[in-house]
Protein backbone atom coordinates (compact mmCIF):
# COMPACT_ATOMS: atom_id res chain seq x y z
CA MET A 1 6.18 -13.22 -24.64
CA THR A 2 8.56 -12.58 -26.84
CA ASP A 3 11.08 -15.02 -27.32
CA ILE A 4 14.49 -13.92 -25.41
CA SER A 5 17.81 -15.73 -26.11
CA PRO A 6 19.47 -17.46 -23.27
CA LEU A 7 22.66 -15.21 -23.82
CA ASP A 8 20.02 -11.90 -23.01
CA GLN A 9 18.49 -13.74 -20.32
CA ALA A 10 21.65 -13.87 -18.48
CA ARG A 11 22.50 -10.66 -19.42
CA ILE A 12 19.69 -8.91 -18.24
CA LEU A 13 20.19 -11.38 -14.83
CA SER A 14 23.21 -9.81 -14.56
CA GLU A 15 22.82 -6.44 -15.06
CA ALA A 16 20.08 -6.71 -11.80
CA LEU A 17 23.15 -7.52 -9.80
CA PRO A 18 23.80 -4.07 -8.53
CA HIS A 19 20.29 -3.15 -7.77
CA MET A 20 20.44 -6.66 -5.76
CA GLN A 21 23.29 -5.43 -3.84
CA GLN A 22 21.62 -2.23 -3.06
CA TYR A 23 18.47 -3.77 -1.38
CA ASP A 24 20.43 -6.50 0.47
CA GLU A 25 18.51 -7.81 3.74
CA GLU A 26 16.57 -4.45 3.44
CA THR A 27 13.02 -3.99 4.18
CA ILE A 28 10.61 -3.24 1.23
CA VAL A 29 6.89 -2.17 2.34
CA ILE A 30 4.55 -3.01 -0.96
CA LYS A 31 1.39 -1.67 -0.14
CA TYR A 32 -1.18 -3.32 -2.83
CA GLY A 33 -4.22 -1.66 -4.06
CA GLY A 34 -7.48 -3.09 -4.39
CA HIS A 35 -7.45 -1.84 -7.48
CA ALA A 36 -3.99 -2.69 -8.82
CA MET A 37 -4.87 -6.38 -8.03
CA GLY A 38 -6.83 -6.55 -11.12
CA ASP A 39 -7.99 -10.02 -12.56
CA GLU A 40 -6.03 -13.67 -11.30
CA GLU A 41 -3.02 -13.70 -13.96
CA THR A 42 -1.92 -10.17 -12.77
CA ALA A 43 -2.41 -10.96 -8.88
CA LYS A 44 -0.38 -14.19 -9.56
CA ASN A 45 2.21 -12.37 -11.45
CA PHE A 46 2.31 -9.79 -8.57
CA ALA A 47 2.86 -13.04 -5.80
CA ARG A 48 5.83 -14.45 -7.69
CA ASP A 49 7.38 -11.09 -7.98
CA ILE A 50 6.99 -11.09 -4.14
CA VAL A 51 8.52 -14.34 -3.96
CA LEU A 52 11.73 -13.20 -6.17
CA LEU A 53 12.10 -10.66 -3.46
CA GLU A 54 12.51 -12.85 -0.95
CA GLN A 55 14.88 -14.75 -2.71
CA THR A 56 17.05 -12.68 -3.41
CA ALA A 57 17.77 -11.44 0.25
CA ILE A 58 15.40 -8.80 0.06
CA ASN A 59 12.51 -8.74 3.12
CA PRO A 60 9.43 -8.00 1.43
CA VAL A 61 6.45 -7.05 3.48
CA VAL A 62 2.96 -6.78 1.45
CA VAL A 63 -0.01 -4.27 2.59
CA HIS A 64 -3.43 -4.72 0.99
CA GLY A 65 -6.53 -2.86 0.49
CA GLY A 66 -9.63 -4.04 -0.97
CA GLY A 67 -12.24 -1.43 -1.62
CA PRO A 68 -13.89 -2.18 -4.61
CA GLN A 69 -14.31 -6.11 -3.00
CA ILE A 70 -15.84 -4.71 0.18
CA ALA A 71 -18.14 -2.40 -2.05
CA THR A 72 -19.26 -5.87 -3.87
CA MET A 73 -19.88 -7.33 -0.97
CA LEU A 74 -21.69 -4.61 0.84
CA LYS A 75 -23.47 -4.88 -2.50
CA ARG A 76 -24.29 -8.60 -2.01
CA LEU A 77 -25.44 -8.15 1.24
CA GLY A 78 -27.16 -5.20 0.97
CA ILE A 79 -25.62 -2.86 2.94
CA VAL A 80 -26.31 0.74 1.90
CA SER A 81 -23.20 3.45 3.03
CA GLU A 82 -23.66 6.67 3.83
CA PHE A 83 -21.19 9.13 2.53
CA ALA A 84 -20.08 12.28 3.80
CA ALA A 85 -17.81 15.25 1.93
CA GLY A 86 -16.91 12.01 -0.01
CA LEU A 87 -15.94 9.73 2.34
CA ARG A 88 -17.62 6.24 3.19
CA ILE A 89 -19.26 6.24 6.45
CA THR A 90 -18.54 2.92 8.22
CA ASP A 91 -20.87 2.10 10.22
CA ALA A 92 -21.22 -1.01 13.11
CA ALA A 93 -22.88 -3.14 10.31
CA THR A 94 -20.13 -1.99 7.81
CA ILE A 95 -17.25 -2.73 9.70
CA GLU A 96 -18.36 -6.14 10.26
CA VAL A 97 -18.13 -6.56 6.42
CA VAL A 98 -14.67 -4.52 6.01
CA GLU A 99 -13.00 -6.98 8.91
CA MET A 100 -14.57 -10.02 6.92
CA VAL A 101 -13.38 -9.26 3.39
CA LEU A 102 -10.26 -7.32 4.42
CA ALA A 103 -8.61 -10.28 6.64
CA GLY A 104 -10.51 -13.00 5.17
CA SER A 105 -10.99 -13.34 1.80
CA VAL A 106 -8.75 -10.97 0.36
CA ASN A 107 -5.69 -11.22 2.61
CA LYS A 108 -6.31 -15.07 2.12
CA GLN A 109 -6.30 -15.09 -1.14
CA ILE A 110 -3.41 -12.80 -2.00
CA VAL A 111 -1.46 -15.43 1.13
CA GLY A 112 -2.46 -18.32 -0.96
CA TYR A 113 -1.18 -16.95 -4.33
CA ILE A 114 2.54 -16.01 -2.63
CA ASN A 115 2.40 -19.71 -1.38
CA ASP A 116 1.30 -21.30 -4.37
CA ALA A 117 4.51 -19.53 -5.97
CA GLY A 118 6.54 -20.84 -3.30
CA GLY A 119 6.70 -18.80 -1.04
CA LYS A 120 5.88 -18.68 2.83
CA ALA A 121 3.38 -15.83 3.08
CA VAL A 122 1.93 -15.12 6.68
CA GLY A 123 -1.27 -13.07 6.77
CA LEU A 124 -2.41 -10.97 9.26
CA CYS A 125 -4.17 -7.84 10.04
CA GLY A 126 -2.95 -5.06 12.49
CA LYS A 127 -4.84 -6.29 15.40
CA ASP A 128 -2.33 -9.09 15.40
CA GLY A 129 -0.10 -8.73 18.07
CA ASN A 130 -1.19 -5.26 19.13
CA MET A 131 0.47 -4.47 16.28
CA VAL A 132 -1.05 -1.32 15.41
CA LYS A 133 -3.39 1.23 17.47
CA ALA A 134 -5.19 3.86 15.84
CA SER A 135 -7.28 6.75 17.00
CA LYS A 136 -10.22 7.43 15.19
CA THR A 137 -10.29 9.88 12.29
CA THR A 138 -12.72 12.97 12.17
CA ARG A 139 -12.68 15.23 8.70
CA THR A 140 -14.45 18.41 8.99
CA MET A 141 -16.85 19.94 6.19
CA VAL A 142 -18.57 22.84 5.40
CA ASP A 143 -22.18 22.39 5.39
CA PRO A 144 -23.36 23.28 1.84
CA ASP A 145 -26.44 25.66 3.63
CA SER A 146 -25.34 27.19 6.49
CA HIS A 147 -21.49 27.50 5.52
CA ILE A 148 -20.83 26.63 8.65
CA GLU A 149 -17.34 23.88 9.19
CA LYS A 150 -18.26 20.78 11.18
CA VAL A 151 -16.88 17.90 12.31
CA VAL A 152 -18.01 14.49 10.73
CA ASP A 153 -18.08 11.30 12.37
CA LEU A 154 -17.34 8.66 9.97
CA GLY A 155 -17.67 5.90 12.33
CA PHE A 156 -15.67 2.83 12.97
CA VAL A 157 -12.11 4.77 10.59
CA GLY A 158 -8.73 5.23 12.46
CA ASP A 159 -5.59 6.88 12.10
CA PRO A 160 -2.63 4.90 12.73
CA GLU A 161 -1.05 6.20 15.86
CA LYS A 162 1.16 3.59 16.99
CA VAL A 163 2.73 0.69 15.41
CA ASP A 164 4.69 -2.05 17.71
CA LEU A 165 7.08 -4.37 16.00
CA THR A 166 7.36 -7.50 17.81
CA LEU A 167 5.27 -9.53 15.95
CA LEU A 168 6.51 -8.29 12.45
CA ASN A 169 10.30 -9.06 14.09
CA GLN A 170 9.68 -12.13 14.54
CA LEU A 171 8.85 -13.16 11.02
CA ILE A 172 11.06 -10.87 8.98
CA GLY A 173 14.10 -12.60 7.90
CA TYR A 174 13.19 -15.61 8.68
CA GLU A 175 11.51 -16.31 5.10
CA LEU A 176 8.37 -15.58 6.02
CA ILE A 177 6.21 -12.83 4.00
CA PRO A 178 3.87 -10.65 5.81
CA VAL A 179 0.52 -10.04 4.42
CA LEU A 180 -1.25 -7.35 6.17
CA ALA A 181 -4.89 -6.33 6.40
CA PRO A 182 -5.21 -2.65 6.58
CA LEU A 183 -7.54 -2.79 9.84
CA ALA A 184 -6.15 -1.34 13.71
CA THR A 185 -7.25 -2.00 17.39
CA SER A 186 -8.58 1.40 19.41
CA HIS A 187 -7.37 2.44 22.53
CA ASP A 188 -10.81 1.15 23.68
CA GLY A 189 -10.75 -2.13 22.08
CA GLN A 190 -12.90 -1.36 19.12
CA THR A 191 -12.13 -2.45 15.04
CA LEU A 192 -11.26 0.44 13.19
CA ASN A 193 -10.42 0.15 8.98
CA VAL A 194 -7.52 2.27 8.22
CA ASN A 195 -6.67 3.52 4.63
CA GLY A 196 -4.59 1.10 3.07
CA ASP A 197 -1.88 3.86 1.93
CA THR A 198 -1.37 5.61 5.50
CA PHE A 199 -1.05 1.81 7.21
CA ALA A 200 1.22 0.69 4.60
CA GLY A 201 3.16 4.48 5.44
CA ALA A 202 2.89 3.61 8.69
CA ILE A 203 4.26 0.25 8.48
CA ALA A 204 7.35 1.04 6.56
CA GLY A 205 8.34 4.01 8.82
CA ALA A 206 8.01 1.65 11.96
CA LEU A 207 10.17 -0.45 10.04
CA LYS A 208 12.60 1.55 8.79
CA ALA A 209 12.29 0.55 5.47
CA LYS A 210 14.17 1.31 2.43
CA ARG A 211 11.39 1.83 -0.32
CA LEU A 212 7.62 1.86 0.08
CA LEU A 213 6.24 1.06 -3.22
CA LEU A 214 2.49 2.04 -3.61
CA LEU A 215 0.93 -0.12 -6.42
CA THR A 216 -2.00 2.28 -7.50
CA ASP A 217 -3.97 2.61 -11.13
CA VAL A 218 -2.12 5.30 -12.40
CA PRO A 219 1.27 5.64 -14.17
CA GLY A 220 2.77 8.03 -10.83
CA VAL A 221 3.17 11.74 -10.43
CA LEU A 222 2.08 13.52 -13.00
CA ASP A 223 3.49 17.21 -14.93
CA LYS A 224 1.50 19.95 -15.92
CA SER A 225 1.60 18.49 -19.71
CA LYS A 226 0.63 15.10 -18.04
CA LYS A 227 4.11 13.19 -18.42
CA LEU A 228 5.53 11.41 -15.95
CA ILE A 229 7.54 13.20 -13.04
CA PRO A 230 10.71 10.08 -12.13
CA ASP A 231 11.79 12.01 -9.35
CA LEU A 232 10.36 14.32 -6.81
CA SER A 233 12.00 15.81 -3.53
CA VAL A 234 9.22 16.81 -0.40
CA LYS A 235 9.40 20.37 -1.10
CA ASP A 236 9.12 20.11 -5.10
CA ALA A 237 5.89 17.73 -3.96
CA ARG A 238 4.40 20.33 -1.65
CA LYS A 239 4.99 23.29 -4.36
CA LEU A 240 3.02 21.25 -6.81
CA ILE A 241 0.43 20.18 -4.38
CA ALA A 242 0.39 24.07 -3.72
CA ASP A 243 -0.01 24.90 -7.82
CA GLY A 244 -2.37 22.48 -8.74
CA THR A 245 -0.24 20.30 -10.63
CA ILE A 246 -0.51 17.56 -7.89
CA SER A 247 -4.82 17.26 -7.52
CA GLY A 248 -7.78 15.36 -6.83
CA GLY A 249 -6.74 11.76 -5.05
CA MET A 250 -3.44 12.02 -6.01
CA ILE A 251 -2.84 14.23 -3.30
CA PRO A 252 -3.64 11.97 -0.18
CA LYS A 253 -1.25 9.20 -2.26
CA VAL A 254 1.22 12.33 -2.32
CA GLU A 255 0.87 13.09 1.71
CA THR A 256 1.13 9.77 2.30
CA CYS A 257 4.32 9.91 0.76
CA ILE A 258 5.62 12.98 2.30
CA TYR A 259 3.85 11.07 5.94
CA ALA A 260 6.54 7.82 5.53
CA LEU A 261 9.21 9.56 4.54
CA GLU A 262 8.83 11.81 7.44
CA GLN A 263 8.67 8.33 9.78
CA GLY A 264 11.84 7.42 8.47
CA VAL A 265 11.25 5.29 5.01
CA GLU A 266 14.16 6.22 2.77
CA GLY A 267 12.08 6.30 -0.64
CA VAL A 268 8.56 5.94 -1.21
CA VAL A 269 7.86 4.86 -5.33
CA ILE A 270 4.01 5.49 -6.86
CA ILE A 271 3.84 2.90 -9.41
CA ASP A 272 1.34 1.71 -11.40
CA GLY A 273 0.27 -1.92 -10.16
CA LYS A 274 -1.09 -2.95 -13.09
CA MET A 275 1.85 -2.86 -15.25
CA GLN A 276 3.05 -6.05 -15.59
CA HIS A 277 6.11 -6.67 -13.20
CA ALA A 278 5.84 -3.60 -11.93
CA VAL A 279 7.47 -3.88 -8.77
CA LEU A 280 11.05 -5.70 -10.60
CA LEU A 281 11.38 -3.11 -12.93
CA GLU A 282 11.37 -0.76 -10.15
CA LEU A 283 13.83 -2.38 -8.19
CA PHE A 284 16.06 -4.24 -10.53
CA THR A 285 16.67 -2.00 -13.40
CA ASN A 286 18.15 1.20 -14.56
CA GLN A 287 15.06 2.98 -15.64
CA GLY A 288 12.81 2.24 -12.74
CA THR A 289 9.37 3.29 -13.02
CA GLY A 290 6.57 4.99 -11.36
CA THR A 291 7.73 8.61 -9.29
CA LEU A 292 9.83 8.31 -6.48
CA ILE A 293 9.70 10.70 -3.76
CA HIS A 294 12.60 11.81 -1.21
CA LYS A 295 13.47 13.91 0.95
């Protein structure tokens, strides 16, 4: 880090004031992807930034993923996953590992980092306090041989249906930082794995969050010439999906953003979580970072 004069430091803090006022007492949901976590240093920096938000009277809620960590553990245990239409089929043996890694090791690691940085994090998953009820996800795929569309059973995978805020409302605004693993309960009591972005969208929508920040491994939504698009309305985003500008793995991300906005979130930002202090850059500086999607 280059040495900044005390005067410059003071000026930077002063410039953050209007931004801090904009988010005063507001809830910000931050989706921290398994890929965005990176190394220990990155994770610790992220934790510090979350504690800083809480210190400035913002209510952060962290939702995390853990895809790479799950894959590593499945490999260690010798559990081979089946895939259909590019999606992992989560069988009974796999969901056990998913729950262990997400609600266990990954969740508590993030809680530990936030607490080390001086925060008071509480690690939970969607099962706690009946927070998130989900229904089983079904996907259809076209059989390559017969060209007939058939339904694929993805196993213990769900889509959020109902969010109960009882538990979160006991924590938010009381200096406690919820850290949520994207697991939910089905209507018949089974554990379901929920896509982390979708889970974060449902939580942010239920909380009527001011912002949902999706920390990913890309800078944001790029145009045809691979330049960052700083700002997008839902209408524009749909156009870009239709004309193929937004493609591949970015489509479900943008669709999650649209879903969250429909649920009542004011704005959703896709940002590169590997960038140092990405959260602070987005919330507390004039230029922001990533792509903001709004109604």
